[in-house]
PDB file of N, CA and C in Angstrom:
ATOM      1  N   UNK A   1     127.812 -62.342-152.208  1.00  0.00           N
ATOM      2  CA  UNK A   1     127.850 -63.938-152.271  1.00  0.00           C
ATOM      3  C   UNK A   1     129.533 -63.719-151.600  1.00  0.00           C
ATOM      4  N   UNK A   2     130.311 -65.552-151.610  1.00  0.00           N
ATOM      5  CA  UNK A   2     131.482 -64.890-150.832  1.00  0.00           C
ATOM      6  C   UNK A   2     132.047 -65.456-151.934  1.00  0.00           C
ATOM      7  N   UNK A   3     133.169 -64.484-152.309  1.00  0.00           N
ATOM      8  CA  UNK A   3     133.469 -65.464-153.458  1.00  0.00           C
ATOM      9  C   UNK A   3     134.540 -67.197-153.034  1.00  0.00           C
ATOM     10  N   UNK A   4     135.122 -67.867-154.278  1.00  0.00           N
ATOM     11  CA  UNK A   4     135.363 -69.436-154.563  1.00  0.00           C
ATOM     12  C   UNK A   4     136.458 -69.445-153.103  1.00  0.00           C
ATOM     13  N   UNK A   5     137.638 -68.030-153.398  1.00  0.00           N
ATOM     14  CA  UNK A   5     138.876 -68.411-152.559  1.00  0.00           C
ATOM     15  C   UNK A   5     138.133 -68.003-150.960  1.00  0.00           C
ATOM     16  N   UNK A   6     137.393 -66.676-151.271  1.00  0.00           N
ATOM     17  CA  UNK A   6     137.503 -67.228-149.669  1.00  0.00           C
ATOM     18  C   UNK A   6     136.650 -68.094-148.565  1.00  0.00           C
ATOM     19  N   UNK A   7     135.542 -68.743-149.725  1.00  0.00           N
ATOM     20  CA  UNK A   7     135.061 -70.047-149.265  1.00  0.00           C
ATOM     21  C   UNK A   7     135.805 -70.972-148.926  1.00  0.00           C
ATOM     22  N   UNK A   8     137.089 -71.706-149.877  1.00  0.00           N
ATOM     23  CA  UNK A   8     138.211 -72.037-149.621  1.00  0.00           C
ATOM     24  C   UNK A   8     139.079 -72.262-148.636  1.00  0.00           C
ATOM     25  N   UNK A   9     139.270 -70.844-148.342  1.00  0.00           N
ATOM     26  CA  UNK A   9     139.587 -70.829-146.936  1.00  0.00           C
ATOM     27  C   UNK A   9     139.085 -70.570-145.851  1.00  0.00           C
ATOM     28  N   UNK A  10     138.293 -70.597-145.873  1.00  0.00           N
ATOM     29  CA  UNK A  10     137.657 -70.770-144.223  1.00  0.00           C
ATOM     30  C   UNK A  10     137.139 -72.342-144.530  1.00  0.00           C
ATOM     31  N   UNK A  11     137.210 -72.771-145.332  1.00  0.00           N
ATOM     32  CA  UNK A  11     136.825 -74.299-145.425  1.00  0.00           C
ATOM     33  C   UNK A  11     138.238 -75.285-144.912  1.00  0.00           C
ATOM     34  N   UNK A  12     139.352 -74.443-145.285  1.00  0.00           N
ATOM     35  CA  UNK A  12     140.375 -75.270-144.786  1.00  0.00           C
ATOM     36  C   UNK A  12     141.117 -74.909-143.428  1.00  0.00           C
ATOM     37  N   UNK A  13     140.558 -73.740-143.241  1.00  0.00           N
ATOM     38  CA  UNK A  13     141.406 -73.210-141.741  1.00  0.00           C
ATOM     39  C   UNK A  13     139.810 -74.295-141.275  1.00  0.00           C
ATOM     40  N   UNK A  14     138.752 -74.529-141.109  1.00  0.00           N
ATOM     41  CA  UNK A  14     137.697 -75.539-140.819  1.00  0.00           C
ATOM     42  C   UNK A  14     138.948 -77.167-140.464  1.00  0.00           C
ATOM     43  N   UNK A  15     139.231 -77.479-141.493  1.00  0.00           N
ATOM     44  CA  UNK A  15     139.796 -78.471-141.256  1.00  0.00           C
ATOM     45  C   UNK A  15     141.073 -78.784-140.463  1.00  0.00           C
ATOM     46  N   UNK A  16     141.972 -77.822-140.575  1.00  0.00           N
ATOM     47  CA  UNK A  16     143.212 -77.209-139.971  1.00  0.00           C
ATOM     48  C   UNK A  16     142.306 -77.346-138.721  1.00  0.00           C
ATOM     49  N   UNK A  17     141.638 -76.715-138.162  1.00  0.00           N
ATOM     50  CA  UNK A  17     140.783 -77.015-136.712  1.00  0.00           C
ATOM     51  C   UNK A  17     140.790 -78.371-136.383  1.00  0.00           C
ATOM     52  N   UNK A  18     139.726 -79.499-137.342  1.00  0.00           N
ATOM     53  CA  UNK A  18     139.711 -80.436-137.497  1.00  0.00           C
ATOM     54  C   UNK A  18     140.864 -81.451-137.250  1.00  0.00           C
ATOM     55  N   UNK A  19     141.592 -81.117-137.471  1.00  0.00           N
ATOM     56  CA  UNK A  19     143.323 -81.985-137.609  1.00  0.00           C
ATOM     57  C   UNK A  19     143.701 -81.186-135.976  1.00  0.00           C
ATOM     58  N   UNK A  20     144.199 -80.979-135.948  1.00  0.00           N
ATOM     59  CA  UNK A  20     144.742 -80.347-134.758  1.00  0.00           C
ATOM     60  C   UNK A  20     143.370 -80.852-133.606  1.00  0.00           C
ATOM     61  N   UNK A  21     142.503 -80.889-133.366  1.00  0.00           N
ATOM     62  CA  UNK A  21     140.912 -81.149-132.662  1.00  0.00           C
ATOM     63  C   UNK A  21     141.781 -82.636-132.244  1.00  0.00           C
ATOM     64  N   UNK A  22     142.123 -83.544-133.807  1.00  0.00           N
ATOM     65  CA  UNK A  22     142.075 -84.465-133.556  1.00  0.00           C
ATOM     66  C   UNK A  22     143.951 -85.203-133.029  1.00  0.00           C
ATOM     67  N   UNK A  23     144.380 -84.630-133.306  1.00  0.00           N
ATOM     68  CA  UNK A  23     145.900 -84.803-132.612  1.00  0.00           C
ATOM     69  C   UNK A  23     145.877 -85.287-130.837  1.00  0.00           C
ATOM     70  N   UNK A  24     144.498 -84.334-131.126  1.00  0.00           N
ATOM     71  CA  UNK A  24     144.769 -84.244-128.795  1.00  0.00           C
ATOM     72  C   UNK A  24     145.877 -83.152-128.499  1.00  0.00           C
ATOM     73  N   UNK A  25     146.044 -83.896-127.217  1.00  0.00           N
ATOM     74  CA  UNK A  25     146.308 -83.184-126.415  1.00  0.00           C
ATOM     75  C   UNK A  25     147.841 -83.243-125.732  1.00  0.00           C
ATOM     76  N   UNK A  26     148.432 -84.379-126.909  1.00  0.00           N
ATOM     77  CA  UNK A  26     149.767 -84.483-126.716  1.00  0.00           C
ATOM     78  C   UNK A  26     150.776 -83.471-127.934  1.00  0.00           C
ATOM     79  N   UNK A  27     150.356 -83.260-129.023  1.00  0.00           N
ATOM     80  CA  UNK A  27     150.953 -82.260-130.079  1.00  0.00           C
ATOM     81  C   UNK A  27     150.759 -81.336-130.006  1.00  0.00           C
ATOM     82  N   UNK A  28     150.086 -80.627-131.355  1.00  0.00           N
ATOM     83  CA  UNK A  28     150.110 -79.777-131.779  1.00  0.00           C
ATOM     84  C   UNK A  28     148.475 -79.190-130.799  1.00  0.00           C
ATOM     85  N   UNK A  29     147.898 -79.785-130.370  1.00  0.00           N
ATOM     86  CA  UNK A  29     146.422 -79.142-129.548  1.00  0.00           C
ATOM     87  C   UNK A  29     146.526 -78.487-128.890  1.00  0.00           C
ATOM     88  N   UNK A  30     147.613 -77.842-128.299  1.00  0.00           N
ATOM     89  CA  UNK A  30     147.551 -77.155-127.107  1.00  0.00           C
ATOM     90  C   UNK A  30     147.116 -75.807-127.328  1.00  0.00           C
ATOM     91  N   UNK A  31     146.535 -75.333-125.963  1.00  0.00           N
ATOM     92  CA  UNK A  31     146.431 -74.163-125.813  1.00  0.00           C
ATOM     93  C   UNK A  31     146.716 -72.932-124.975  1.00  0.00           C
ATOM     94  N   UNK A  32     146.856 -71.813-124.951  1.00  0.00           N
ATOM     95  CA  UNK A  32     147.754 -71.184-124.038  1.00  0.00           C
ATOM     96  C   UNK A  32     147.199 -71.420-122.853  1.00  0.00           C
ATOM     97  N   UNK A  33     146.148 -71.494-122.343  1.00  0.00           N
ATOM     98  CA  UNK A  33     145.053 -71.885-120.969  1.00  0.00           C
ATOM     99  C   UNK A  33     144.868 -73.433-120.814  1.00  0.00           C
ATOM    100  N   UNK A  34     146.036 -73.489-120.193  1.00  0.00           N
ATOM    101  CA  UNK A  34     145.944 -75.344-119.781  1.00  0.00           C
ATOM    102  C   UNK A  34     144.881 -75.796-119.054  1.00  0.00           C
ATOM    103  N   UNK A  35     143.724 -74.885-118.198  1.00  0.00           N
ATOM    104  CA  UNK A  35     142.459 -74.886-117.714  1.00  0.00           C
ATOM    105  C   UNK A  35     141.357 -75.950-118.581  1.00  0.00           C
ATOM    106  N   UNK A  36     141.363 -75.424-120.119  1.00  0.00           N
ATOM    107  CA  UNK A  36     140.636 -75.880-121.347  1.00  0.00           C
ATOM    108  C   UNK A  36     140.987 -76.683-122.321  1.00  0.00           C
ATOM    109  N   UNK A  37     141.047 -77.754-122.340  1.00  0.00           N
ATOM    110  CA  UNK A  37     141.293 -79.173-123.139  1.00  0.00           C
ATOM    111  C   UNK A  37     140.954 -78.631-124.980  1.00  0.00           C
ATOM    112  N   UNK A  38     142.170 -78.125-125.433  1.00  0.00           N
ATOM    113  CA  UNK A  38     142.462 -77.980-126.903  1.00  0.00           C
ATOM    114  C   UNK A  38     140.960 -78.569-127.673  1.00  0.00           C
ATOM    115  N   UNK A  39     140.456 -79.516-127.369  1.00  0.00           N
ATOM    116  CA  UNK A  39     139.299 -79.698-128.525  1.00  0.00           C
ATOM    117  C   UNK A  39     137.579 -79.277-128.190  1.00  0.00           C
ATOM    118  N   UNK A  40     137.503 -78.762-126.827  1.00  0.00           N
ATOM    119  CA  UNK A  40     137.003 -77.724-126.371  1.00  0.00           C
ATOM    120  C   UNK A  40     137.073 -76.551-127.212  1.00  0.00           C
ATOM    121  N   UNK A  41     138.064 -76.032-127.419  1.00  0.00           N
ATOM    122  CA  UNK A  41     138.349 -74.637-128.089  1.00  0.00           C
ATOM    123  C   UNK A  41     138.302 -75.049-129.845  1.00  0.00           C
ATOM    124  N   UNK A  42     138.972 -76.178-130.106  1.00  0.00           N
ATOM    125  CA  UNK A  42     139.286 -76.214-131.565  1.00  0.00           C
ATOM    126  C   UNK A  42     137.764 -76.699-132.279  1.00  0.00           C
ATOM    127  N   UNK A  43     136.729 -77.805-131.779  1.00  0.00           N
ATOM    128  CA  UNK A  43     136.229 -78.363-132.135  1.00  0.00           C
ATOM    129  C   UNK A  43     134.800 -76.983-132.936  1.00  0.00           C
ATOM    130  N   UNK A  44     134.475 -75.852-131.793  1.00  0.00           N
ATOM    131  CA  UNK A  44     133.329 -75.144-132.122  1.00  0.00           C
ATOM    132  C   UNK A  44     134.278 -73.987-133.161  1.00  0.00           C
ATOM    133  N   UNK A  45     135.117 -74.117-133.001  1.00  0.00           N
ATOM    134  CA  UNK A  45     136.199 -73.100-133.893  1.00  0.00           C
ATOM    135  C   UNK A  45     135.682 -73.509-135.588  1.00  0.00           C
ATOM    136  N   UNK A  46     136.265 -74.910-135.632  1.00  0.00           N
ATOM    137  CA  UNK A  46     136.073 -75.462-136.555  1.00  0.00           C
ATOM    138  C   UNK A  46     134.542 -75.383-137.183  1.00  0.00           C
ATOM    139  N   UNK A  47     133.370 -75.746-136.110  1.00  0.00           N
ATOM    140  CA  UNK A  47     132.416 -75.907-136.571  1.00  0.00           C
ATOM    141  C   UNK A  47     131.699 -74.608-137.730  1.00  0.00           C
ATOM    142  N   UNK A  48     132.073 -73.465-136.678  1.00  0.00           N
ATOM    143  CA  UNK A  48     131.725 -72.325-137.114  1.00  0.00           C
ATOM    144  C   UNK A  48     132.598 -71.646-138.168  1.00  0.00           C
ATOM    145  N   UNK A  49     133.861 -72.030-138.493  1.00  0.00           N
ATOM    146  CA  UNK A  49     134.500 -71.198-139.659  1.00  0.00           C
ATOM    147  C   UNK A  49     133.874 -72.638-140.859  1.00  0.00           C
ATOM    148  N   UNK A  50     133.495 -73.167-140.446  1.00  0.00           N
ATOM    149  CA  UNK A  50     132.739 -74.604-141.690  1.00  0.00           C
ATOM    150  C   UNK A  50     131.673 -73.939-142.192  1.00  0.00           C
ATOM    151  N   UNK A  51     130.865 -73.600-140.869  1.00  0.00           N
ATOM    152  CA  UNK A  51     129.169 -72.984-141.758  1.00  0.00           C
ATOM    153  C   UNK A  51     129.006 -71.352-142.123  1.00  0.00           C
ATOM    154  N   UNK A  52     130.054 -70.719-141.789  1.00  0.00           N
ATOM    155  CA  UNK A  52     130.286 -69.664-142.026  1.00  0.00           C
ATOM    156  C   UNK A  52     129.929 -69.037-143.463  1.00  0.00           C
ATOM    157  N   UNK A  53     130.629 -69.559-144.605  1.00  0.00           N
ATOM    158  CA  UNK A  53     130.638 -69.308-145.861  1.00  0.00           C
ATOM    159  C   UNK A  53     129.207 -69.808-146.264  1.00  0.00           C
ATOM    160  N   UNK A  54     128.613 -70.613-145.605  1.00  0.00           N
ATOM    161  CA  UNK A  54     126.943 -70.570-145.841  1.00  0.00           C
ATOM    162  C   UNK A  54     126.256 -69.534-145.358  1.00  0.00           C
ATOM    163  N   UNK A  55     126.401 -69.751-144.193  1.00  0.00           N
ATOM    164  CA  UNK A  55     125.630 -68.784-143.226  1.00  0.00           C
ATOM    165  C   UNK A  55     125.546 -67.331-144.013  1.00  0.00           C
ATOM    166  N   UNK A  56     126.556 -66.942-144.624  1.00  0.00           N
ATOM    167  CA  UNK A  56     126.832 -65.546-145.520  1.00  0.00           C
ATOM    168  C   UNK A  56     126.184 -65.339-146.640  1.00  0.00           C
ATOM    169  N   UNK A  57     126.370 -66.498-147.389  1.00  0.00           N
ATOM    170  CA  UNK A  57     125.821 -66.558-148.832  1.00  0.00           C
ATOM    171  C   UNK A  57     124.106 -66.199-147.959  1.00  0.00           C
ATOM    172  N   UNK A  58     123.941 -67.375-147.581  1.00  0.00           N
ATOM    173  CA  UNK A  58     122.222 -66.992-146.877  1.00  0.00           C
ATOM    174  C   UNK A  58     121.604 -66.039-146.744  1.00  0.00           C
ATOM    175  N   UNK A  59     122.633 -65.093-146.145  1.00  0.00           N
ATOM    176  CA  UNK A  59     121.802 -63.974-145.849  1.00  0.00           C
ATOM    177  C   UNK A  59     121.980 -63.081-146.802  1.00  0.00           C
ATOM    178  N   UNK A  60     122.987 -63.232-147.605  1.00  0.00           N
ATOM    179  CA  UNK A  60     122.728 -62.413-148.502  1.00  0.00           C
ATOM    180  C   UNK A  60     121.905 -62.667-149.337  1.00  0.00           C
ATOM    181  N   UNK A  61     121.708 -63.914-150.183  1.00  0.00           N
ATOM    182  CA  UNK A  61     120.586 -64.208-151.057  1.00  0.00           C
ATOM    183  C   UNK A  61     119.110 -63.970-150.364  1.00  0.00           C
ATOM    184  N   UNK A  62     119.417 -64.138-148.810  1.00  0.00           N
ATOM    185  CA  UNK A  62     117.558 -63.232-148.014  1.00  0.00           C
ATOM    186  C   UNK A  62     117.454 -62.102-148.009  1.00  0.00           C
ATOM    187  N   UNK A  63     118.845 -60.853-148.508  1.00  0.00           N
ATOM    188  CA  UNK A  63     118.470 -59.544-148.050  1.00  0.00           C
ATOM    189  C   UNK A  63     118.701 -59.043-149.189  1.00  0.00           C
ATOM    190  N   UNK A  64     118.482 -59.604-150.164  1.00  0.00           N
ATOM    191  CA  UNK A  64     118.664 -58.994-151.541  1.00  0.00           C
ATOM    192  C   UNK A  64     117.425 -58.538-152.318  1.00  0.00           C
TER     193      UNK A  64
END
């Protein structure tokens, strides 16, 4: 099982990705590759970070 600190870090990183995606193209939402809009990069990353602790804990419980 992931510790509460680790889970919090994953959730915080996900929220930061969502906020940056919400800011859009004008500010902090830019990525190095200009051909890909930042929302297309940050939203899936945020969702993956949000679901990772649940997936990890479920896998840990399933294989014990």
